[in-house]
Amino acid sequence: MSRAGGWALLAAEVTLPGREVGATRPRIGVDLARVADFRGAIPDAAFSAAERRRVSAAEDPPTEAARLWVRKEALLKALGTGLRVHPAAVSTGGDSRVEDLDREALGLPAGFVAALARI
């Protein structure tokens, strides 16, 4: 679950009947952020050097920072570590376990980004 700007996002796994007892279940993580929260200050310490360069080069740095952040936090939630792992040590660039979610399909207003990770 994630909350931002008065909105909440929840991801749940559906277990199908007949699933093998003791089978490894996929883990999921989801995160939501309001781009406006990244306009005043971008938390550089949360990003690797490559990610900081990517944010700096982006057409809209706050949106790119928010997008990178939700991908990173969704993955950390799915891994079960959360922010006990320093976020700068985790990069989701090219990581197929993480996907950007379509805010319109989720019914979120403009100015939000969201991501889902599946492990």
C-alpha atoms as a PDB file:
ATOM      1  CA  MET A   1       0.000   0.000   0.000  1.00  0.00           C
ATOM      2  CA  SER A   2       1.062   3.556  -0.629  1.00  0.00           C
ATOM      3  CA  ARG A   3      -0.449   6.970   0.077  1.00  0.00           C
ATOM      4  CA  ALA A   4       0.278  10.388  -1.383  1.00  0.00           C
ATOM      5  CA  GLY A   5      -1.616  13.640  -1.716  1.00  0.00           C
ATOM      6  CA  GLY A   6      -4.849  12.262  -0.275  1.00  0.00           C
ATOM      7  CA  TRP A   7      -4.833   9.200  -2.562  1.00  0.00           C
ATOM      8  CA  ALA A   8      -4.056   5.586  -1.739  1.00  0.00           C
ATOM      9  CA  LEU A   9      -2.931   2.710  -3.913  1.00  0.00           C
ATOM     10  CA  LEU A  10      -3.191  -0.914  -2.887  1.00  0.00           C
ATOM     11  CA  ALA A  11      -1.889  -3.989  -4.686  1.00  0.00           C
ATOM     12  CA  ALA A  12      -3.107  -7.477  -3.846  1.00  0.00           C
ATOM     13  CA  GLU A  13      -2.279 -10.948  -5.072  1.00  0.00           C
ATOM     14  CA  VAL A  14      -5.077 -13.297  -6.040  1.00  0.00           C
ATOM     15  CA  THR A  15      -4.337 -16.920  -5.160  1.00  0.00           C
ATOM     16  CA  LEU A  16      -6.007 -19.341  -7.534  1.00  0.00           C
ATOM     17  CA  PRO A  17      -7.783 -22.447  -6.205  1.00  0.00           C
ATOM     18  CA  GLY A  18      -5.687 -25.601  -6.375  1.00  0.00           C
ATOM     19  CA  ARG A  19      -2.408 -23.789  -5.923  1.00  0.00           C
ATOM     20  CA  GLU A  20       0.170 -26.126  -4.492  1.00  0.00           C
ATOM     21  CA  VAL A  21       0.548 -25.877  -0.717  1.00  0.00           C
ATOM     22  CA  GLY A  22       3.935 -24.439   0.148  1.00  0.00           C
ATOM     23  CA  ALA A  23       4.487 -23.130  -3.384  1.00  0.00           C
ATOM     24  CA  THR A  24       6.523 -19.965  -3.571  1.00  0.00           C
ATOM     25  CA  ARG A  25       4.180 -17.039  -3.868  1.00  0.00           C
ATOM     26  CA  PRO A  26       5.184 -13.964  -5.802  1.00  0.00           C
ATOM     27  CA  ARG A  27       5.799 -10.867  -3.747  1.00  0.00           C
ATOM     28  CA  ILE A  28       4.524  -7.489  -4.850  1.00  0.00           C
ATOM     29  CA  GLY A  29       5.234  -3.899  -3.951  1.00  0.00           C
ATOM     30  CA  VAL A  30       3.489  -0.726  -5.038  1.00  0.00           C
ATOM     31  CA  ASP A  31       4.259   2.930  -4.600  1.00  0.00           C
ATOM     32  CA  LEU A  32       2.558   6.208  -5.402  1.00  0.00           C
ATOM     33  CA  ALA A  33       3.965   9.749  -5.374  1.00  0.00           C
ATOM     34  CA  ARG A  34       2.778  13.237  -6.086  1.00  0.00           C
ATOM     35  CA  VAL A  35       5.145  15.025  -8.470  1.00  0.00           C
ATOM     36  CA  ALA A  36       4.556  18.313  -6.600  1.00  0.00           C
ATOM     37  CA  ASP A  37       6.346  16.790  -3.601  1.00  0.00           C
ATOM     38  CA  PHE A  38       9.526  16.669  -5.730  1.00  0.00           C
ATOM     39  CA  ARG A  39       9.292  20.228  -7.094  1.00  0.00           C
ATOM     40  CA  GLY A  40      10.681  21.985  -4.010  1.00  0.00           C
ATOM     41  CA  ALA A  41      13.623  19.652  -3.516  1.00  0.00           C
ATOM     42  CA  ILE A  42      14.767  16.441  -5.118  1.00  0.00           C
ATOM     43  CA  PRO A  43      16.277  14.077  -2.518  1.00  0.00           C
ATOM     44  CA  ASP A  44      19.655  13.568  -4.228  1.00  0.00           C
ATOM     45  CA  ALA A  45      20.838  11.239  -1.470  1.00  0.00           C
ATOM     46  CA  ALA A  46      18.115   8.777  -2.489  1.00  0.00           C
ATOM     47  CA  PHE A  47      19.504   8.389  -6.005  1.00  0.00           C
ATOM     48  CA  SER A  48      22.639   6.842  -7.445  1.00  0.00           C
ATOM     49  CA  ALA A  49      25.012   9.018  -9.481  1.00  0.00           C
ATOM     50  CA  ALA A  50      23.515   7.642 -12.720  1.00  0.00           C
ATOM     51  CA  GLU A  51      19.991   8.390 -11.508  1.00  0.00           C
ATOM     52  CA  ARG A  52      20.972  11.938 -10.499  1.00  0.00           C
ATOM     53  CA  ARG A  53      22.350  12.483 -14.023  1.00  0.00           C
ATOM     54  CA  ARG A  54      19.138  11.098 -15.480  1.00  0.00           C
ATOM     55  CA  VAL A  55      17.013  13.453 -13.359  1.00  0.00           C
ATOM     56  CA  SER A  56      19.209  16.436 -14.259  1.00  0.00           C
ATOM     57  CA  ALA A  57      18.951  15.662 -17.984  1.00  0.00           C
ATOM     58  CA  ALA A  58      15.186  15.103 -17.951  1.00  0.00           C
ATOM     59  CA  GLU A  59      12.798  17.532 -19.598  1.00  0.00           C
ATOM     60  CA  ASP A  60      10.827  17.615 -16.320  1.00  0.00           C
ATOM     61  CA  PRO A  61      13.234  16.768 -13.460  1.00  0.00           C
ATOM     62  CA  PRO A  62      10.587  16.567 -10.685  1.00  0.00           C
ATOM     63  CA  THR A  63       8.475  14.109 -12.689  1.00  0.00           C
ATOM     64  CA  GLU A  64      11.503  11.950 -13.499  1.00  0.00           C
ATOM     65  CA  ALA A  65      12.632  12.012  -9.845  1.00  0.00           C
ATOM     66  CA  ALA A  66       9.153  10.994  -8.680  1.00  0.00           C
ATOM     67  CA  ARG A  67       9.003   8.221 -11.293  1.00  0.00           C
ATOM     68  CA  LEU A  68      12.415   6.847 -10.293  1.00  0.00           C
ATOM     69  CA  TRP A  69      11.461   7.053  -6.616  1.00  0.00           C
ATOM     70  CA  VAL A  70       8.197   5.095  -6.932  1.00  0.00           C
ATOM     71  CA  ARG A  71       9.947   2.393  -8.974  1.00  0.00           C
ATOM     72  CA  LYS A  72      12.673   2.123  -6.344  1.00  0.00           C
ATOM     73  CA  GLU A  73      10.298   2.055  -3.387  1.00  0.00           C
ATOM     74  CA  ALA A  74       7.943  -0.465  -5.033  1.00  0.00           C
ATOM     75  CA  LEU A  75      10.914  -2.795  -5.588  1.00  0.00           C
ATOM     76  CA  LEU A  76      12.152  -2.386  -2.010  1.00  0.00           C
ATOM     77  CA  LYS A  77       8.665  -3.219  -0.715  1.00  0.00           C
ATOM     78  CA  ALA A  78       8.473  -6.337  -2.913  1.00  0.00           C
ATOM     79  CA  LEU A  79      11.915  -7.434  -1.711  1.00  0.00           C
ATOM     80  CA  GLY A  80      10.659  -7.052   1.852  1.00  0.00           C
ATOM     81  CA  THR A  81      13.419  -4.687   2.892  1.00  0.00           C
ATOM     82  CA  GLY A  82      11.714  -1.340   2.536  1.00  0.00           C
ATOM     83  CA  LEU A  83      13.950   1.581   3.405  1.00  0.00           C
ATOM     84  CA  ARG A  84      16.195  -0.558   5.618  1.00  0.00           C
ATOM     85  CA  VAL A  85      18.288  -0.670   2.427  1.00  0.00           C
ATOM     86  CA  HIS A  86      19.726   2.687   1.383  1.00  0.00           C
ATOM     87  CA  PRO A  87      17.686   3.705  -1.674  1.00  0.00           C
ATOM     88  CA  ALA A  88      20.739   5.002  -3.562  1.00  0.00           C
ATOM     89  CA  ALA A  89      22.065   1.418  -3.577  1.00  0.00           C
ATOM     90  CA  VAL A  90      19.052   0.228  -5.601  1.00  0.00           C
ATOM     91  CA  SER A  91      18.513   1.017  -9.257  1.00  0.00           C
ATOM     92  CA  THR A  92      15.482  -0.034 -11.251  1.00  0.00           C
ATOM     93  CA  GLY A  93      16.699   1.075 -14.673  1.00  0.00           C
ATOM     94  CA  GLY A  94      16.085  -1.837 -17.018  1.00  0.00           C
ATOM     95  CA  ASP A  95      14.689  -4.000 -14.200  1.00  0.00           C
ATOM     96  CA  SER A  96      11.859  -6.055 -15.692  1.00  0.00           C
ATOM     97  CA  ARG A  97      10.448  -6.742 -12.218  1.00  0.00           C
ATOM     98  CA  VAL A  98       9.254  -3.126 -11.993  1.00  0.00           C
ATOM     99  CA  GLU A  99       6.697  -1.404 -14.181  1.00  0.00           C
ATOM    100  CA  ASP A 100       5.320   2.100 -14.351  1.00  0.00           C
ATOM    101  CA  LEU A 101       1.560   2.143 -13.815  1.00  0.00           C
ATOM    102  CA  ASP A 102      -0.834   4.184 -15.943  1.00  0.00           C
ATOM    103  CA  ARG A 103      -2.199   6.867 -13.630  1.00  0.00           C
ATOM    104  CA  GLU A 104      -5.230   7.466 -15.863  1.00  0.00           C
ATOM    105  CA  ALA A 105      -6.129   3.766 -15.831  1.00  0.00           C
ATOM    106  CA  LEU A 106      -5.876   3.892 -12.029  1.00  0.00           C
ATOM    107  CA  GLY A 107      -8.173   6.926 -11.898  1.00  0.00           C
ATOM    108  CA  LEU A 108      -5.477   9.175 -10.457  1.00  0.00           C
ATOM    109  CA  PRO A 109      -5.428  12.876 -11.319  1.00  0.00           C
ATOM    110  CA  ALA A 110      -2.590  14.502 -13.242  1.00  0.00           C
ATOM    111  CA  GLY A 111       0.562  15.036 -11.218  1.00  0.00           C
ATOM    112  CA  PHE A 112       0.880  11.514  -9.799  1.00  0.00           C
ATOM    113  CA  VAL A 113       3.151   8.617 -10.720  1.00  0.00           C
ATOM    114  CA  ALA A 114       2.932   5.000  -9.603  1.00  0.00           C
ATOM    115  CA  ALA A 115       4.853   1.761 -10.001  1.00  0.00           C
ATOM    116  CA  LEU A 116       4.386  -1.941  -9.281  1.00  0.00           C
ATOM    117  CA  ALA A 117       7.117  -4.490  -8.606  1.00  0.00           C
ATOM    118  CA  ARG A 118       6.708  -8.266  -8.816  1.00  0.00           C
ATOM    119  CA  ILE A 119       9.386 -10.601  -7.440  1.00  0.00           C
END
